N, C-alpha and C. Protein backbone atom coordinates (compact mmCIF):
# COMPACT_ATOMS: atom_id res chain seq x y z
N MET A 1 0.84 -1.18 -0.01
CA MET A 1 -0.02 0.02 -0.01
C MET A 1 0.88 1.29 0.00
N THR A 2 0.55 2.13 -0.86
CA THR A 2 1.32 3.54 -0.90
C THR A 2 0.74 4.46 0.09
N ARG A 3 1.62 4.91 0.88
CA ARG A 3 1.28 6.00 1.85
C ARG A 3 1.34 7.46 1.19
N VAL A 4 0.25 8.16 1.41
CA VAL A 4 0.29 9.51 0.84
C VAL A 4 0.09 10.43 2.10
N ALA A 5 1.15 11.25 2.32
CA ALA A 5 1.24 12.13 3.46
C ALA A 5 1.03 13.54 3.16
N ALA A 6 0.80 13.94 1.88
CA ALA A 6 0.76 15.34 1.58
C ALA A 6 -0.57 15.63 0.96
N ALA A 7 -0.97 16.88 1.14
CA ALA A 7 -2.10 17.43 0.47
C ALA A 7 -1.76 17.85 -0.97
N VAL A 8 -1.94 17.01 -1.97
CA VAL A 8 -1.52 17.27 -3.25
C VAL A 8 -2.75 17.75 -4.12
N TYR A 9 -2.46 18.81 -4.94
CA TYR A 9 -3.41 19.30 -5.98
C TYR A 9 -2.61 20.11 -6.95
N TYR A 10 -3.28 20.36 -8.11
CA TYR A 10 -2.52 21.10 -9.32
C TYR A 10 -3.25 22.41 -9.34
N VAL A 11 -2.44 23.46 -9.57
CA VAL A 11 -2.99 24.75 -9.89
C VAL A 11 -2.47 25.14 -11.38
N LEU A 12 -3.33 25.42 -12.25
CA LEU A 12 -2.94 25.96 -13.59
C LEU A 12 -3.49 27.38 -13.73
N SER A 13 -2.59 28.24 -14.08
CA SER A 13 -2.96 29.64 -14.28
C SER A 13 -2.32 30.24 -15.58
N ALA A 14 -3.08 31.22 -16.11
CA ALA A 14 -2.57 31.88 -17.27
C ALA A 14 -2.84 33.41 -17.09
N ASP A 15 -1.84 34.13 -17.46
CA ASP A 15 -1.88 35.57 -17.50
C ASP A 15 -1.80 36.02 -19.04
N TYR A 16 -2.49 37.08 -19.49
CA TYR A 16 -2.38 37.41 -20.94
C TYR A 16 -2.61 38.94 -20.89
N THR A 17 -2.09 39.46 -22.04
CA THR A 17 -2.14 40.77 -22.40
C THR A 17 -2.49 41.03 -23.80
N ASP A 18 -3.69 41.75 -24.02
CA ASP A 18 -4.09 41.85 -25.52
C ASP A 18 -3.34 42.94 -26.19
N LYS A 19 -3.44 43.23 -27.45
CA LYS A 19 -2.67 44.04 -28.22
C LYS A 19 -2.93 45.50 -27.74
N GLY A 20 -4.03 45.84 -27.18
CA GLY A 20 -4.25 47.26 -26.64
C GLY A 20 -3.74 47.39 -25.18
N GLY A 21 -3.04 46.40 -24.66
CA GLY A 21 -2.39 46.54 -23.26
C GLY A 21 -3.39 46.05 -22.16
N LEU A 22 -4.51 45.66 -22.46
CA LEU A 22 -5.48 45.22 -21.47
C LEU A 22 -4.99 43.77 -20.87
N LYS A 23 -4.85 43.62 -19.59
CA LYS A 23 -4.40 42.44 -18.91
C LYS A 23 -5.49 41.69 -18.33
N GLY A 24 -5.28 40.35 -18.23
CA GLY A 24 -6.33 39.48 -17.55
C GLY A 24 -5.58 38.22 -17.14
N SER A 25 -6.22 37.50 -16.25
CA SER A 25 -5.74 36.24 -15.82
C SER A 25 -6.85 35.26 -15.51
N THR A 26 -6.52 34.08 -15.37
CA THR A 26 -7.53 33.02 -14.99
C THR A 26 -6.78 31.87 -14.47
N GLY A 27 -7.45 31.01 -13.72
CA GLY A 27 -6.82 29.85 -12.97
C GLY A 27 -7.76 28.76 -12.73
N ILE A 28 -7.24 27.65 -12.53
CA ILE A 28 -8.09 26.48 -12.07
C ILE A 28 -7.28 25.53 -11.18
N THR A 29 -8.02 24.93 -10.25
CA THR A 29 -7.36 23.97 -9.22
C THR A 29 -7.85 22.69 -9.54
N LEU A 30 -6.96 21.77 -9.75
CA LEU A 30 -7.43 20.33 -10.03
C LEU A 30 -7.07 19.49 -8.79
N GLN A 31 -8.08 18.88 -8.24
CA GLN A 31 -7.92 18.02 -7.09
C GLN A 31 -7.78 16.54 -7.49
N PRO A 32 -7.01 15.85 -6.72
CA PRO A 32 -6.89 14.30 -6.96
C PRO A 32 -8.14 13.54 -6.60
N LYS A 33 -8.39 12.41 -7.24
CA LYS A 33 -9.56 11.72 -6.79
C LYS A 33 -9.43 10.95 -5.51
N HIS A 34 -8.33 10.68 -5.06
CA HIS A 34 -8.06 10.06 -3.86
C HIS A 34 -7.60 11.15 -2.74
N LYS A 35 -8.32 11.33 -1.65
CA LYS A 35 -8.05 12.44 -0.71
C LYS A 35 -7.85 11.77 0.62
N GLN A 36 -6.84 12.32 1.24
CA GLN A 36 -6.69 12.03 2.78
C GLN A 36 -7.62 12.87 3.54
N ALA A 37 -8.44 12.27 4.51
CA ALA A 37 -9.36 12.95 5.25
C ALA A 37 -8.84 14.05 6.03
N GLU A 38 -7.56 13.87 6.51
CA GLU A 38 -6.93 15.02 7.36
C GLU A 38 -6.47 16.18 6.58
N HIS A 39 -6.59 16.17 5.26
CA HIS A 39 -6.18 17.29 4.57
C HIS A 39 -7.40 18.25 4.02
N PHE A 40 -8.27 18.36 5.06
CA PHE A 40 -9.56 19.19 4.72
C PHE A 40 -9.21 20.57 4.75
N THR A 41 -10.15 21.39 4.24
CA THR A 41 -9.96 22.84 4.25
C THR A 41 -10.82 23.61 5.32
N GLY A 42 -11.77 22.82 5.96
CA GLY A 42 -12.55 23.31 7.04
C GLY A 42 -13.04 22.21 7.95
N SER A 43 -13.31 22.37 9.20
CA SER A 43 -13.89 21.29 10.05
C SER A 43 -14.62 21.81 11.16
N SER A 44 -15.44 20.81 11.84
CA SER A 44 -16.02 21.20 13.07
C SER A 44 -16.15 19.98 13.92
N GLY A 45 -15.61 19.84 15.12
CA GLY A 45 -15.82 18.81 16.08
C GLY A 45 -14.90 17.70 16.00
N ILE A 46 -14.06 17.49 14.90
CA ILE A 46 -13.27 16.37 14.79
C ILE A 46 -11.85 16.56 15.36
N ARG A 47 -11.06 15.53 15.37
CA ARG A 47 -9.67 15.67 15.77
C ARG A 47 -8.79 14.78 14.81
N ILE A 48 -7.65 15.35 14.44
CA ILE A 48 -6.76 14.46 13.69
C ILE A 48 -5.96 13.65 14.59
N VAL A 49 -6.01 12.36 14.31
CA VAL A 49 -5.25 11.37 15.14
C VAL A 49 -4.06 10.78 14.42
N ASP A 50 -2.94 10.72 15.02
CA ASP A 50 -1.73 10.18 14.46
C ASP A 50 -1.85 8.65 14.73
N GLU A 51 -1.75 7.87 13.56
CA GLU A 51 -1.98 6.40 13.45
C GLU A 51 -1.15 5.89 12.43
N PRO A 52 0.01 5.10 12.77
CA PRO A 52 0.77 4.53 11.73
C PRO A 52 0.04 3.66 10.79
N GLY A 53 -1.01 3.01 11.03
CA GLY A 53 -1.81 2.21 10.13
C GLY A 53 -2.60 2.98 9.07
N ALA A 54 -2.81 4.24 9.29
CA ALA A 54 -3.61 4.96 8.40
C ALA A 54 -2.64 5.34 7.12
N GLU A 55 -3.38 5.54 5.96
CA GLU A 55 -2.54 5.63 4.78
C GLU A 55 -1.49 6.82 4.84
N GLY A 56 -1.87 7.92 5.35
CA GLY A 56 -0.90 8.99 5.45
C GLY A 56 -0.31 9.11 6.88
N GLY A 57 -0.46 8.09 7.75
CA GLY A 57 -0.08 8.18 9.07
C GLY A 57 -1.03 8.99 10.08
N ARG A 58 -2.15 9.44 9.53
CA ARG A 58 -3.14 10.24 10.27
C ARG A 58 -4.57 9.83 9.80
N ARG A 59 -5.52 10.06 10.67
CA ARG A 59 -6.85 9.93 10.30
C ARG A 59 -7.78 10.91 10.98
N ILE A 60 -9.03 10.98 10.60
CA ILE A 60 -9.96 11.82 11.43
C ILE A 60 -10.69 10.97 12.51
N GLY A 61 -10.60 11.42 13.74
CA GLY A 61 -11.20 10.73 14.84
C GLY A 61 -12.00 11.73 15.66
N ASP A 62 -12.40 11.11 16.91
CA ASP A 62 -13.34 11.86 17.85
C ASP A 62 -14.52 12.38 17.19
N ILE A 63 -15.05 11.50 16.24
CA ILE A 63 -16.28 11.90 15.43
C ILE A 63 -17.53 11.73 16.21
N SER A 64 -18.31 12.79 16.32
CA SER A 64 -19.68 12.69 16.92
C SER A 64 -20.72 13.17 15.99
N ASN A 65 -21.97 13.08 16.30
CA ASN A 65 -23.06 13.39 15.38
C ASN A 65 -22.92 14.83 14.82
N ASN A 66 -23.05 14.93 13.55
CA ASN A 66 -23.07 16.20 12.82
C ASN A 66 -21.70 16.87 12.84
N ASP A 67 -20.67 16.32 13.28
CA ASP A 67 -19.24 16.85 13.02
C ASP A 67 -19.10 16.77 11.55
N TRP A 68 -18.18 17.58 11.04
CA TRP A 68 -17.83 17.45 9.56
C TRP A 68 -16.45 18.05 9.22
N ILE A 69 -16.10 17.65 8.01
CA ILE A 69 -14.89 18.27 7.39
C ILE A 69 -15.32 18.76 5.96
N SER A 70 -14.58 19.66 5.39
CA SER A 70 -14.98 20.15 4.10
C SER A 70 -13.75 20.28 3.32
N PHE A 71 -13.94 20.30 1.88
CA PHE A 71 -12.94 20.39 0.90
C PHE A 71 -13.39 21.37 -0.07
N ARG A 72 -12.52 22.24 -0.58
CA ARG A 72 -12.72 23.25 -1.62
C ARG A 72 -11.55 23.54 -2.35
N PRO A 73 -11.54 23.78 -3.65
CA PRO A 73 -12.76 23.62 -4.51
C PRO A 73 -12.91 22.21 -4.94
N LEU A 74 -14.03 21.63 -5.23
CA LEU A 74 -14.20 20.26 -5.76
C LEU A 74 -15.34 20.45 -6.88
N ASN A 75 -15.06 19.84 -7.99
CA ASN A 75 -15.97 19.76 -9.00
C ASN A 75 -16.25 18.34 -9.40
N LEU A 76 -17.45 17.97 -9.15
CA LEU A 76 -17.92 16.45 -9.27
C LEU A 76 -18.41 16.06 -10.72
N SER A 77 -18.18 16.90 -11.59
CA SER A 77 -18.61 16.60 -12.98
C SER A 77 -17.82 15.30 -13.47
N GLY A 78 -18.53 14.37 -13.90
CA GLY A 78 -17.95 13.09 -14.45
C GLY A 78 -17.63 12.16 -13.40
N ILE A 79 -17.91 12.51 -12.06
CA ILE A 79 -17.79 11.58 -10.94
C ILE A 79 -19.01 10.78 -10.67
N ASP A 80 -18.98 9.53 -10.65
CA ASP A 80 -20.11 8.58 -10.49
C ASP A 80 -20.33 8.01 -9.09
N THR A 81 -19.25 7.80 -8.39
CA THR A 81 -19.24 7.15 -7.08
C THR A 81 -18.20 7.64 -6.17
N VAL A 82 -18.32 7.43 -4.88
CA VAL A 82 -17.40 7.66 -3.90
C VAL A 82 -17.24 6.50 -2.88
N SER A 83 -16.04 6.14 -2.44
CA SER A 83 -15.79 5.13 -1.39
C SER A 83 -14.95 5.69 -0.22
N PHE A 84 -15.35 5.42 0.88
CA PHE A 84 -14.69 5.84 2.19
C PHE A 84 -13.83 4.75 2.85
N ARG A 85 -12.66 5.07 3.32
CA ARG A 85 -11.92 4.16 4.06
C ARG A 85 -12.06 4.49 5.50
N VAL A 86 -12.55 3.54 6.22
CA VAL A 86 -12.91 3.80 7.67
C VAL A 86 -12.53 2.77 8.59
N SER A 87 -12.42 2.97 9.87
CA SER A 87 -12.20 1.95 10.90
C SER A 87 -13.40 2.22 11.92
N ALA A 88 -13.86 1.06 12.46
CA ALA A 88 -14.96 1.12 13.35
C ALA A 88 -14.95 -0.08 14.24
N PRO A 89 -14.86 0.01 15.63
CA PRO A 89 -14.75 -1.19 16.49
C PRO A 89 -16.15 -1.99 16.51
N SER A 90 -17.22 -1.26 16.33
CA SER A 90 -18.57 -1.88 16.39
C SER A 90 -19.64 -1.29 15.44
N SER A 91 -20.60 -1.86 15.12
CA SER A 91 -21.70 -1.31 14.29
C SER A 91 -22.63 -0.53 15.14
N THR A 92 -22.82 0.88 14.85
CA THR A 92 -23.63 1.77 15.65
C THR A 92 -24.75 2.29 14.72
N GLY A 93 -24.74 2.00 13.58
CA GLY A 93 -25.78 2.62 12.64
C GLY A 93 -25.32 4.01 12.18
N ALA A 94 -23.98 4.22 12.28
CA ALA A 94 -23.39 5.53 11.76
C ALA A 94 -23.34 5.55 10.19
N SER A 95 -23.24 6.81 9.77
CA SER A 95 -23.10 7.01 8.28
C SER A 95 -22.25 8.17 8.02
N ILE A 96 -21.85 8.26 6.70
CA ILE A 96 -21.13 9.46 6.19
C ILE A 96 -22.00 10.06 5.06
N GLU A 97 -22.16 11.41 5.06
CA GLU A 97 -22.90 12.11 4.03
C GLU A 97 -21.90 13.09 3.32
N LEU A 98 -22.11 13.12 1.99
CA LEU A 98 -21.51 14.27 1.35
C LEU A 98 -22.51 15.36 1.06
N ARG A 99 -22.27 16.54 1.35
CA ARG A 99 -23.27 17.66 1.16
C ARG A 99 -22.67 18.78 0.50
N ALA A 100 -23.39 19.49 -0.32
CA ALA A 100 -23.01 20.63 -1.22
C ALA A 100 -23.05 21.97 -0.36
N ASP A 101 -21.94 22.79 -0.34
CA ASP A 101 -22.02 24.06 0.09
C ASP A 101 -22.00 24.44 1.68
N SER A 102 -22.65 23.41 2.38
CA SER A 102 -22.74 23.57 3.90
C SER A 102 -23.06 22.14 4.44
N PRO A 103 -22.87 22.05 5.84
CA PRO A 103 -23.10 20.83 6.47
C PRO A 103 -24.55 20.38 6.33
N THR A 104 -25.45 21.41 6.06
CA THR A 104 -26.94 21.08 5.89
C THR A 104 -27.38 21.15 4.39
N GLY A 105 -26.34 21.40 3.47
CA GLY A 105 -26.74 21.64 2.16
C GLY A 105 -27.33 20.31 1.48
N ALA A 106 -27.57 20.45 0.10
CA ALA A 106 -28.10 19.40 -0.66
C ALA A 106 -27.23 18.07 -0.48
N LEU A 107 -27.94 16.97 -0.22
CA LEU A 107 -27.25 15.69 -0.02
C LEU A 107 -26.74 15.19 -1.41
N ILE A 108 -25.40 14.87 -1.48
CA ILE A 108 -24.80 14.39 -2.75
C ILE A 108 -24.60 12.85 -2.72
N ALA A 109 -24.28 12.32 -1.55
CA ALA A 109 -24.01 10.90 -1.30
C ALA A 109 -24.19 10.54 0.18
N SER A 110 -24.46 9.30 0.44
CA SER A 110 -24.48 8.77 1.68
C SER A 110 -24.10 7.36 1.81
N SER A 111 -23.30 6.98 2.83
CA SER A 111 -22.83 5.65 2.94
C SER A 111 -22.86 5.15 4.45
N PRO A 112 -23.39 3.97 4.73
CA PRO A 112 -23.44 3.44 6.07
C PRO A 112 -21.99 3.05 6.45
N VAL A 113 -21.77 3.03 7.76
CA VAL A 113 -20.47 2.72 8.20
C VAL A 113 -20.65 1.41 9.15
N PRO A 114 -20.17 0.28 8.66
CA PRO A 114 -20.27 -0.96 9.53
C PRO A 114 -19.12 -1.20 10.38
N ALA A 115 -19.25 -2.17 11.25
CA ALA A 115 -18.07 -2.57 12.08
C ALA A 115 -16.86 -3.11 11.15
N THR A 116 -15.75 -2.64 11.50
CA THR A 116 -14.57 -3.14 10.65
C THR A 116 -13.67 -4.10 11.47
N GLY A 117 -13.98 -4.24 12.77
CA GLY A 117 -13.16 -5.16 13.60
C GLY A 117 -12.28 -4.50 14.65
N GLY A 118 -12.08 -3.16 14.59
CA GLY A 118 -11.26 -2.40 15.47
C GLY A 118 -10.89 -0.97 14.85
N TRP A 119 -10.34 -0.28 15.74
CA TRP A 119 -9.85 1.12 15.40
C TRP A 119 -8.78 1.10 14.44
N ASN A 120 -7.91 -0.06 14.45
CA ASN A 120 -6.75 -0.05 13.50
C ASN A 120 -7.11 -1.01 12.36
N THR A 121 -8.31 -1.46 12.20
CA THR A 121 -8.67 -2.37 11.06
C THR A 121 -9.46 -1.46 10.00
N TYR A 122 -8.77 -1.16 8.98
CA TYR A 122 -9.40 -0.22 7.91
C TYR A 122 -10.07 -1.12 6.89
N VAL A 123 -11.22 -0.52 6.36
CA VAL A 123 -12.02 -1.13 5.32
C VAL A 123 -12.32 -0.09 4.40
N SER A 124 -12.25 -0.24 3.03
CA SER A 124 -12.72 0.64 2.01
C SER A 124 -14.18 0.15 1.84
N LEU A 125 -15.08 0.99 2.15
CA LEU A 125 -16.52 0.66 2.00
C LEU A 125 -16.87 0.55 0.56
N PRO A 126 -17.93 -0.10 0.22
CA PRO A 126 -18.45 -0.19 -1.17
C PRO A 126 -18.74 1.22 -1.68
N ALA A 127 -18.50 1.53 -2.85
CA ALA A 127 -18.65 2.71 -3.47
C ALA A 127 -20.26 2.98 -3.46
N VAL A 128 -20.58 4.26 -3.27
CA VAL A 128 -21.97 4.59 -3.41
C VAL A 128 -22.12 5.76 -4.36
N GLY A 129 -23.29 5.87 -5.01
CA GLY A 129 -23.51 6.91 -6.18
C GLY A 129 -23.48 8.30 -5.60
N ILE A 130 -23.15 9.15 -6.45
CA ILE A 130 -23.05 10.64 -6.19
C ILE A 130 -23.90 11.35 -7.06
N THR A 131 -24.69 12.42 -6.56
CA THR A 131 -25.55 13.25 -7.43
C THR A 131 -24.64 14.53 -7.57
N ASP A 132 -24.25 14.81 -8.81
CA ASP A 132 -23.41 15.91 -9.05
C ASP A 132 -24.28 17.24 -8.81
N PRO A 133 -23.86 18.16 -7.90
CA PRO A 133 -24.62 19.39 -7.68
C PRO A 133 -24.34 20.44 -8.71
N GLY A 134 -23.44 20.17 -9.56
CA GLY A 134 -23.01 21.04 -10.65
C GLY A 134 -22.10 22.15 -10.19
N GLY A 135 -21.12 22.42 -11.13
CA GLY A 135 -20.18 23.46 -10.76
C GLY A 135 -19.16 23.04 -9.76
N THR A 136 -18.30 24.03 -9.37
CA THR A 136 -17.24 23.82 -8.38
C THR A 136 -17.90 24.33 -7.07
N ARG A 137 -17.80 23.48 -6.11
CA ARG A 137 -18.43 23.59 -4.87
C ARG A 137 -17.47 23.48 -3.62
N ASN A 138 -17.95 23.83 -2.54
CA ASN A 138 -17.40 23.54 -1.27
C ASN A 138 -18.16 22.25 -0.79
N VAL A 139 -17.49 21.09 -0.66
CA VAL A 139 -18.09 19.83 -0.43
C VAL A 139 -17.84 19.50 1.08
N HIS A 140 -18.94 19.19 1.84
CA HIS A 140 -18.87 18.91 3.37
C HIS A 140 -19.02 17.37 3.35
N VAL A 141 -18.22 16.78 4.20
CA VAL A 141 -18.28 15.38 4.57
C VAL A 141 -18.92 15.38 6.04
N VAL A 142 -20.12 15.04 6.15
CA VAL A 142 -20.87 15.05 7.42
C VAL A 142 -20.99 13.78 8.06
N PHE A 143 -20.78 13.69 9.30
CA PHE A 143 -20.71 12.34 10.02
C PHE A 143 -22.00 12.25 10.84
N LYS A 144 -22.67 11.15 10.61
CA LYS A 144 -23.92 10.90 11.51
C LYS A 144 -23.58 9.66 12.27
N ALA A 145 -23.73 9.94 13.67
CA ALA A 145 -23.31 8.88 14.67
C ALA A 145 -24.18 8.89 15.81
N PRO A 146 -24.81 7.83 16.17
CA PRO A 146 -25.75 7.86 17.36
C PRO A 146 -25.05 8.00 18.65
N SER A 147 -23.65 7.67 18.75
CA SER A 147 -22.93 7.95 19.89
C SER A 147 -21.51 8.52 19.50
N ALA A 148 -20.86 9.14 20.46
CA ALA A 148 -19.66 9.73 20.19
C ALA A 148 -18.53 8.69 19.91
N ASN A 149 -17.66 9.01 19.16
CA ASN A 149 -16.50 8.15 18.75
C ASN A 149 -16.93 6.80 18.19
N SER A 150 -17.85 6.76 17.29
CA SER A 150 -18.40 5.60 16.64
C SER A 150 -17.45 5.06 15.57
N PHE A 151 -16.65 5.91 14.92
CA PHE A 151 -15.83 5.48 13.80
C PHE A 151 -14.77 6.50 13.45
N ASP A 152 -13.78 6.22 12.76
CA ASP A 152 -12.81 7.00 12.12
C ASP A 152 -12.74 6.99 10.74
N VAL A 153 -12.24 8.11 10.10
CA VAL A 153 -12.16 8.18 8.63
C VAL A 153 -10.66 8.37 8.25
N ASP A 154 -10.24 7.51 7.26
CA ASP A 154 -8.83 7.66 6.89
C ASP A 154 -8.86 8.42 5.56
N SER A 155 -9.57 8.00 4.54
CA SER A 155 -9.53 8.63 3.26
C SER A 155 -10.75 8.37 2.48
N PHE A 156 -10.92 9.01 1.34
CA PHE A 156 -12.07 8.65 0.48
C PHE A 156 -11.56 8.76 -1.02
N THR A 157 -12.17 8.01 -1.85
CA THR A 157 -11.78 7.99 -3.27
C THR A 157 -13.02 8.23 -4.19
N PHE A 158 -12.86 9.24 -5.17
CA PHE A 158 -13.85 9.48 -6.07
C PHE A 158 -13.59 8.61 -7.30
N ASN A 159 -14.70 8.10 -7.91
CA ASN A 159 -14.52 7.24 -9.08
C ASN A 159 -15.35 7.77 -10.21
N GLY A 160 -14.91 7.62 -11.46
CA GLY A 160 -15.55 8.11 -12.67
C GLY A 160 -14.57 8.90 -13.56
N ARG A 161 -14.88 9.22 -14.68
CA ARG A 161 -14.05 9.83 -15.63
C ARG A 161 -13.51 11.16 -15.07
N GLY A 162 -14.31 11.95 -14.58
CA GLY A 162 -13.91 13.32 -13.92
C GLY A 162 -12.89 13.97 -14.70
N ALA A 163 -12.20 14.83 -14.24
CA ALA A 163 -11.13 15.69 -14.89
C ALA A 163 -9.83 14.86 -15.04
N GLY A 164 -9.65 13.81 -14.16
CA GLY A 164 -8.38 13.12 -14.15
C GLY A 164 -8.17 12.17 -15.27
N GLN A 165 -9.13 11.66 -15.95
CA GLN A 165 -9.05 10.68 -16.98
C GLN A 165 -9.73 11.06 -18.18
N GLY A 166 -9.03 11.59 -19.10
CA GLY A 166 -9.63 12.00 -20.42
C GLY A 166 -9.19 11.04 -21.51
N GLY A 167 -9.97 10.92 -22.52
CA GLY A 167 -9.65 10.14 -23.69
C GLY A 167 -9.01 10.96 -24.66
N PRO A 168 -8.61 10.41 -25.85
CA PRO A 168 -7.94 11.19 -26.87
C PRO A 168 -8.75 12.37 -27.31
N PRO A 169 -8.13 13.54 -27.69
CA PRO A 169 -8.92 14.66 -28.11
C PRO A 169 -9.69 14.37 -29.30
């Protein structure tokens, strides 16, 4: 297994000047399809836990109901499913939701979190479908848990052609 310990993304930018001297610029940020949960851009209620068994040596823990992490910018065009890598000592009926723009925004995806056998036993959950909210958004990963510390999240992977896999022009 490859360990990914950095928050990696690509930024493309272009500056231009027309013949009349008018200047302009534009840019785009390209995110990878596999994201380490600890490389969020916003959060509420969670804690980053150092754990050698996690892909990047860290995971999201101390998860309680309605805690969340967020990532921006994300564009889910061409993304069909998402899978979460989690650890959970027991089955509590917990789940993970993806929501657009805020922790209470439109539901994009939802996945149940079963028991994995322990805090250091990681499982990649079966992929669940995504509803593309359109455009580039702030995506919130919202945790639903009937009790505190029900599970931990290591990473998640988006699947589909997306921006990362294009065919020939």
